[in-house]
Amino acid sequence: MARYALHISTPLEGTKTVTYKYKPSFQDMYKHLDCDMIEMSTAHIPEWSNRKDGYTDIYFDEEGKFKSMVVPNKHITNAWYSWMENTGRMPIRNDFIAGKVAVIQEIKETEWRY
């Protein structure tokens, strides 16, 4: 049976991981992201990806740049830029991802055979 890790990257506090027995939903992510509207994109984060190319979906506050205190998430922004560069996309100059970011990763249980 698969489990899922919900990695929450916070600009000033680092990363925390919450484990679920089911794939986390948007409702599960809202309480960790402290937002009302989730935006989704892609980033190159091999350590949190289940894909061979290292890409993974990222979820963040769509209105994060309109908050009273805007803090760029450098770790995720760098991974986002890496994905864009690797796939031929062009970012808007000086754009960044602000605030907390969630990444869902499936954790496959290993089967022990004797």
N, C-alpha and C. Protein backbone atom coordinates (compact mmCIF):
# COMPACT_ATOMS: atom_id res chain seq x y z
N MET A 1 0.84 -1.19 0.00
CA MET A 1 0.00 0.00 0.00
C MET A 1 0.88 1.24 0.00
N ALA A 2 0.57 2.16 -0.87
CA ALA A 2 1.36 3.39 -0.99
C ALA A 2 0.99 4.39 0.11
N ARG A 3 1.98 5.16 0.48
CA ARG A 3 1.77 6.31 1.36
C ARG A 3 2.21 7.53 0.59
N TYR A 4 1.87 8.69 1.12
CA TYR A 4 2.23 9.93 0.45
C TYR A 4 2.88 10.89 1.43
N ALA A 5 3.90 11.59 0.94
CA ALA A 5 4.55 12.64 1.71
C ALA A 5 4.09 13.98 1.13
N LEU A 6 3.66 14.86 1.99
CA LEU A 6 3.34 16.22 1.58
C LEU A 6 4.47 17.09 2.12
N HIS A 7 5.36 17.52 1.21
CA HIS A 7 6.48 18.36 1.58
C HIS A 7 6.00 19.81 1.53
N ILE A 8 6.23 20.55 2.61
CA ILE A 8 5.87 21.97 2.68
C ILE A 8 7.15 22.78 2.79
N SER A 9 7.46 23.53 1.74
CA SER A 9 8.65 24.37 1.72
C SER A 9 8.25 25.78 2.14
N THR A 10 8.88 26.27 3.21
CA THR A 10 8.59 27.60 3.73
C THR A 10 9.85 28.44 3.62
N PRO A 11 9.75 29.65 3.05
CA PRO A 11 10.95 30.46 2.81
C PRO A 11 11.83 30.69 4.03
N LEU A 12 11.25 30.98 5.17
CA LEU A 12 12.04 31.34 6.34
C LEU A 12 12.28 30.19 7.31
N GLU A 13 11.55 29.09 7.15
CA GLU A 13 11.63 28.00 8.12
C GLU A 13 12.14 26.68 7.55
N GLY A 14 12.39 26.61 6.26
CA GLY A 14 12.85 25.36 5.66
C GLY A 14 11.68 24.48 5.25
N THR A 15 11.88 23.18 5.35
CA THR A 15 10.88 22.22 4.87
C THR A 15 10.40 21.32 5.99
N LYS A 16 9.11 21.05 6.00
CA LYS A 16 8.56 20.02 6.88
C LYS A 16 7.79 19.05 6.00
N THR A 17 7.70 17.81 6.45
CA THR A 17 7.02 16.78 5.69
C THR A 17 5.95 16.13 6.56
N VAL A 18 4.76 16.00 5.98
CA VAL A 18 3.63 15.36 6.65
C VAL A 18 3.28 14.12 5.83
N THR A 19 3.10 12.99 6.50
CA THR A 19 2.80 11.73 5.81
C THR A 19 1.31 11.43 5.88
N TYR A 20 0.76 10.95 4.76
CA TYR A 20 -0.65 10.59 4.65
C TYR A 20 -0.77 9.15 4.16
N LYS A 21 -1.87 8.49 4.52
CA LYS A 21 -2.15 7.15 4.02
C LYS A 21 -2.90 7.21 2.69
N TYR A 22 -3.25 8.42 2.27
CA TYR A 22 -3.96 8.65 1.01
C TYR A 22 -3.32 9.84 0.32
N LYS A 23 -3.60 10.02 -0.96
CA LYS A 23 -3.03 11.16 -1.68
C LYS A 23 -3.68 12.45 -1.16
N PRO A 24 -2.89 13.38 -0.66
CA PRO A 24 -3.45 14.62 -0.12
C PRO A 24 -4.26 15.39 -1.17
N SER A 25 -5.38 15.93 -0.72
CA SER A 25 -6.26 16.72 -1.59
C SER A 25 -5.95 18.20 -1.43
N PHE A 26 -6.63 19.01 -2.21
CA PHE A 26 -6.47 20.46 -2.06
C PHE A 26 -6.90 20.86 -0.65
N GLN A 27 -7.94 20.23 -0.12
CA GLN A 27 -8.38 20.57 1.24
C GLN A 27 -7.27 20.31 2.26
N ASP A 28 -6.53 19.23 2.07
CA ASP A 28 -5.41 18.94 2.97
C ASP A 28 -4.31 20.00 2.83
N MET A 29 -4.06 20.45 1.59
CA MET A 29 -3.00 21.43 1.35
C MET A 29 -3.36 22.83 1.84
N TYR A 30 -4.64 23.21 1.75
CA TYR A 30 -5.04 24.56 2.17
C TYR A 30 -4.59 24.87 3.59
N LYS A 31 -4.75 23.93 4.50
CA LYS A 31 -4.40 24.21 5.90
C LYS A 31 -2.90 24.39 6.10
N HIS A 32 -2.09 23.83 5.21
CA HIS A 32 -0.63 24.00 5.31
C HIS A 32 -0.13 25.24 4.56
N LEU A 33 -0.84 25.63 3.52
CA LEU A 33 -0.39 26.76 2.70
C LEU A 33 -0.95 28.11 3.17
N ASP A 34 -1.93 28.08 4.07
CA ASP A 34 -2.53 29.32 4.59
C ASP A 34 -3.02 30.22 3.45
N CYS A 35 -3.85 29.66 2.58
CA CYS A 35 -4.33 30.45 1.45
C CYS A 35 -5.77 30.07 1.10
N ASP A 36 -6.37 30.85 0.19
CA ASP A 36 -7.74 30.61 -0.26
C ASP A 36 -7.80 30.06 -1.68
N MET A 37 -6.71 30.19 -2.43
CA MET A 37 -6.70 29.76 -3.82
C MET A 37 -5.33 29.17 -4.15
N ILE A 38 -5.32 27.92 -4.62
CA ILE A 38 -4.07 27.23 -4.92
C ILE A 38 -3.78 27.31 -6.42
N GLU A 39 -2.53 27.66 -6.73
CA GLU A 39 -2.04 27.65 -8.11
C GLU A 39 -1.10 26.46 -8.24
N MET A 40 -1.07 25.87 -9.42
CA MET A 40 -0.22 24.72 -9.66
C MET A 40 0.76 25.01 -10.79
N SER A 41 1.99 24.54 -10.65
CA SER A 41 2.98 24.64 -11.71
C SER A 41 3.87 23.41 -11.61
N THR A 42 5.03 23.46 -12.24
CA THR A 42 5.97 22.34 -12.24
C THR A 42 7.36 22.87 -11.87
N ALA A 43 8.14 22.03 -11.23
CA ALA A 43 9.52 22.39 -10.87
C ALA A 43 10.40 21.16 -10.97
N HIS A 44 11.71 21.40 -11.03
CA HIS A 44 12.69 20.31 -11.09
C HIS A 44 13.23 20.07 -9.68
N ILE A 45 12.65 19.09 -8.98
CA ILE A 45 13.06 18.77 -7.61
C ILE A 45 13.20 17.24 -7.53
N PRO A 46 14.32 16.71 -8.02
CA PRO A 46 14.49 15.25 -8.09
C PRO A 46 14.27 14.52 -6.76
N GLU A 47 14.67 15.13 -5.65
CA GLU A 47 14.54 14.46 -4.35
C GLU A 47 13.09 14.31 -3.90
N TRP A 48 12.16 15.07 -4.50
CA TRP A 48 10.74 14.97 -4.16
C TRP A 48 9.90 14.45 -5.32
N SER A 49 10.54 13.98 -6.36
CA SER A 49 9.83 13.55 -7.56
C SER A 49 9.77 12.03 -7.67
N ASN A 50 8.70 11.53 -8.27
CA ASN A 50 8.59 10.11 -8.58
C ASN A 50 8.88 9.86 -10.06
N ARG A 51 9.27 10.90 -10.78
CA ARG A 51 9.54 10.78 -12.22
C ARG A 51 11.04 10.67 -12.46
N LYS A 52 11.41 10.01 -13.55
CA LYS A 52 12.83 9.85 -13.89
C LYS A 52 13.49 11.18 -14.24
N ASP A 53 12.72 12.13 -14.78
CA ASP A 53 13.28 13.43 -15.17
C ASP A 53 13.38 14.41 -13.99
N GLY A 54 12.87 14.03 -12.83
CA GLY A 54 12.99 14.87 -11.64
C GLY A 54 11.96 15.98 -11.53
N TYR A 55 11.02 16.04 -12.46
CA TYR A 55 9.99 17.08 -12.41
C TYR A 55 8.86 16.66 -11.48
N THR A 56 8.24 17.63 -10.85
CA THR A 56 7.11 17.37 -9.96
C THR A 56 6.16 18.56 -9.98
N ASP A 57 4.91 18.31 -9.65
CA ASP A 57 3.94 19.39 -9.54
C ASP A 57 4.17 20.13 -8.24
N ILE A 58 4.02 21.44 -8.29
CA ILE A 58 4.13 22.26 -7.08
C ILE A 58 2.81 23.02 -6.91
N TYR A 59 2.42 23.23 -5.66
CA TYR A 59 1.16 23.89 -5.33
C TYR A 59 1.48 25.04 -4.38
N PHE A 60 0.95 26.23 -4.70
CA PHE A 60 1.27 27.40 -3.88
C PHE A 60 0.12 28.41 -3.93
N ASP A 61 0.21 29.42 -3.09
CA ASP A 61 -0.82 30.46 -2.98
C ASP A 61 -0.85 31.30 -4.25
N GLU A 62 -1.97 31.25 -4.96
CA GLU A 62 -2.09 32.02 -6.20
C GLU A 62 -1.99 33.52 -5.95
N GLU A 63 -2.35 33.94 -4.75
CA GLU A 63 -2.31 35.36 -4.42
C GLU A 63 -1.15 35.69 -3.48
N GLY A 64 -0.13 34.85 -3.47
CA GLY A 64 1.00 35.02 -2.55
C GLY A 64 1.75 36.32 -2.70
N LYS A 65 1.78 36.88 -3.91
CA LYS A 65 2.51 38.14 -4.12
C LYS A 65 1.69 39.36 -3.72
N PHE A 66 0.44 39.15 -3.30
CA PHE A 66 -0.41 40.26 -2.87
C PHE A 66 -0.52 40.34 -1.36
N LYS A 67 0.16 39.49 -0.64
CA LYS A 67 0.11 39.49 0.83
C LYS A 67 0.84 40.71 1.37
N SER A 68 0.57 41.03 2.64
CA SER A 68 1.23 42.19 3.24
C SER A 68 2.74 41.96 3.39
N MET A 69 3.14 40.71 3.62
CA MET A 69 4.56 40.40 3.71
C MET A 69 4.88 39.36 2.64
N VAL A 70 5.54 39.78 1.58
CA VAL A 70 5.88 38.89 0.47
C VAL A 70 7.31 38.39 0.66
N VAL A 71 7.44 37.06 0.78
CA VAL A 71 8.75 36.46 0.96
C VAL A 71 8.99 35.45 -0.17
N PRO A 72 9.96 35.73 -1.04
CA PRO A 72 10.25 34.77 -2.12
C PRO A 72 10.73 33.43 -1.56
N ASN A 73 10.27 32.36 -2.15
CA ASN A 73 10.73 31.02 -1.79
C ASN A 73 11.86 30.68 -2.75
N LYS A 74 13.08 30.94 -2.33
CA LYS A 74 14.25 30.80 -3.22
C LYS A 74 14.46 29.36 -3.68
N HIS A 75 14.32 28.41 -2.77
CA HIS A 75 14.52 27.00 -3.13
C HIS A 75 13.57 26.58 -4.25
N ILE A 76 12.30 26.89 -4.11
CA ILE A 76 11.31 26.49 -5.10
C ILE A 76 11.44 27.34 -6.37
N THR A 77 11.72 28.62 -6.23
CA THR A 77 11.89 29.48 -7.40
C THR A 77 13.05 28.97 -8.26
N ASN A 78 14.17 28.58 -7.63
CA ASN A 78 15.30 28.03 -8.39
C ASN A 78 14.92 26.74 -9.10
N ALA A 79 14.16 25.88 -8.44
CA ALA A 79 13.71 24.63 -9.07
C ALA A 79 12.73 24.89 -10.21
N TRP A 80 11.91 25.91 -10.06
CA TRP A 80 10.95 26.31 -11.08
C TRP A 80 11.69 26.86 -12.32
N TYR A 81 12.69 27.71 -12.08
CA TYR A 81 13.51 28.23 -13.18
C TYR A 81 14.25 27.11 -13.89
N SER A 82 14.75 26.12 -13.14
CA SER A 82 15.45 24.98 -13.72
C SER A 82 14.52 24.21 -14.65
N TRP A 83 13.28 23.98 -14.22
CA TRP A 83 12.30 23.29 -15.06
C TRP A 83 12.04 24.09 -16.34
N MET A 84 11.87 25.41 -16.20
CA MET A 84 11.60 26.23 -17.38
C MET A 84 12.78 26.19 -18.35
N GLU A 85 13.99 26.31 -17.82
CA GLU A 85 15.19 26.29 -18.68
C GLU A 85 15.33 24.95 -19.40
N ASN A 86 15.10 23.86 -18.67
CA ASN A 86 15.25 22.52 -19.24
C ASN A 86 14.19 22.19 -20.29
N THR A 87 13.05 22.85 -20.22
CA THR A 87 11.95 22.53 -21.14
C THR A 87 11.69 23.62 -22.18
N GLY A 88 12.60 24.59 -22.27
CA GLY A 88 12.49 25.62 -23.31
C GLY A 88 11.45 26.70 -23.04
N ARG A 89 11.04 26.84 -21.81
CA ARG A 89 10.09 27.90 -21.46
C ARG A 89 10.86 29.15 -21.06
N MET A 90 10.19 30.29 -21.16
CA MET A 90 10.85 31.55 -20.83
C MET A 90 10.11 32.24 -19.68
N PRO A 91 10.79 32.45 -18.56
CA PRO A 91 10.13 33.12 -17.43
C PRO A 91 10.01 34.63 -17.65
N ILE A 92 9.08 35.21 -16.93
CA ILE A 92 9.00 36.66 -16.89
C ILE A 92 10.18 37.13 -16.05
N ARG A 93 10.87 38.14 -16.50
CA ARG A 93 12.07 38.63 -15.81
C ARG A 93 11.78 38.95 -14.35
N ASN A 94 12.63 38.47 -13.47
CA ASN A 94 12.56 38.69 -12.02
C ASN A 94 11.33 38.08 -11.36
N ASP A 95 10.64 37.16 -12.04
CA ASP A 95 9.48 36.53 -11.43
C ASP A 95 9.95 35.54 -10.36
N PHE A 96 9.10 35.25 -9.41
CA PHE A 96 9.43 34.34 -8.33
C PHE A 96 8.16 33.73 -7.75
N ILE A 97 8.33 32.69 -6.98
CA ILE A 97 7.23 32.07 -6.26
C ILE A 97 7.36 32.50 -4.81
N ALA A 98 6.26 33.00 -4.27
CA ALA A 98 6.26 33.55 -2.91
C ALA A 98 5.58 32.60 -1.93
N GLY A 99 6.09 32.61 -0.71
CA GLY A 99 5.44 31.90 0.38
C GLY A 99 5.65 30.40 0.38
N LYS A 100 4.72 29.74 1.06
CA LYS A 100 4.80 28.29 1.23
C LYS A 100 4.43 27.57 -0.06
N VAL A 101 5.08 26.42 -0.27
CA VAL A 101 4.83 25.60 -1.46
C VAL A 101 4.69 24.15 -1.02
N ALA A 102 3.70 23.46 -1.59
CA ALA A 102 3.47 22.04 -1.28
C ALA A 102 3.85 21.17 -2.48
N VAL A 103 4.42 20.02 -2.17
CA VAL A 103 4.76 19.01 -3.18
C VAL A 103 4.30 17.66 -2.65
N ILE A 104 3.56 16.93 -3.47
CA ILE A 104 3.08 15.60 -3.10
C ILE A 104 4.03 14.56 -3.71
N GLN A 105 4.49 13.65 -2.88
CA GLN A 105 5.36 12.58 -3.35
C GLN A 105 4.83 11.23 -2.87
N GLU A 106 4.68 10.30 -3.80
CA GLU A 106 4.25 8.96 -3.42
C GLU A 106 5.44 8.21 -2.84
N ILE A 107 5.21 7.55 -1.71
CA ILE A 107 6.24 6.75 -1.07
C ILE A 107 5.81 5.29 -1.23
N LYS A 108 6.52 4.56 -2.04
CA LYS A 108 6.17 3.16 -2.29
C LYS A 108 6.78 2.28 -1.22
N GLU A 109 5.94 1.47 -0.65
CA GLU A 109 6.40 0.53 0.37
C GLU A 109 7.20 -0.57 -0.30
N THR A 110 8.29 -0.93 0.30
CA THR A 110 9.08 -2.03 -0.25
C THR A 110 8.54 -3.34 0.30
N GLU A 111 8.52 -4.33 -0.53
CA GLU A 111 8.06 -5.64 -0.10
C GLU A 111 9.27 -6.49 0.28
N TRP A 112 9.22 -7.05 1.44
CA TRP A 112 10.32 -7.91 1.91
C TRP A 112 9.97 -9.35 1.58
N ARG A 113 10.90 -10.01 0.93
CA ARG A 113 10.71 -11.42 0.61
C ARG A 113 11.82 -12.23 1.25
N TYR A 114 11.46 -13.32 1.84
CA TYR A 114 12.45 -14.18 2.50
C TYR A 114 12.76 -15.38 1.66
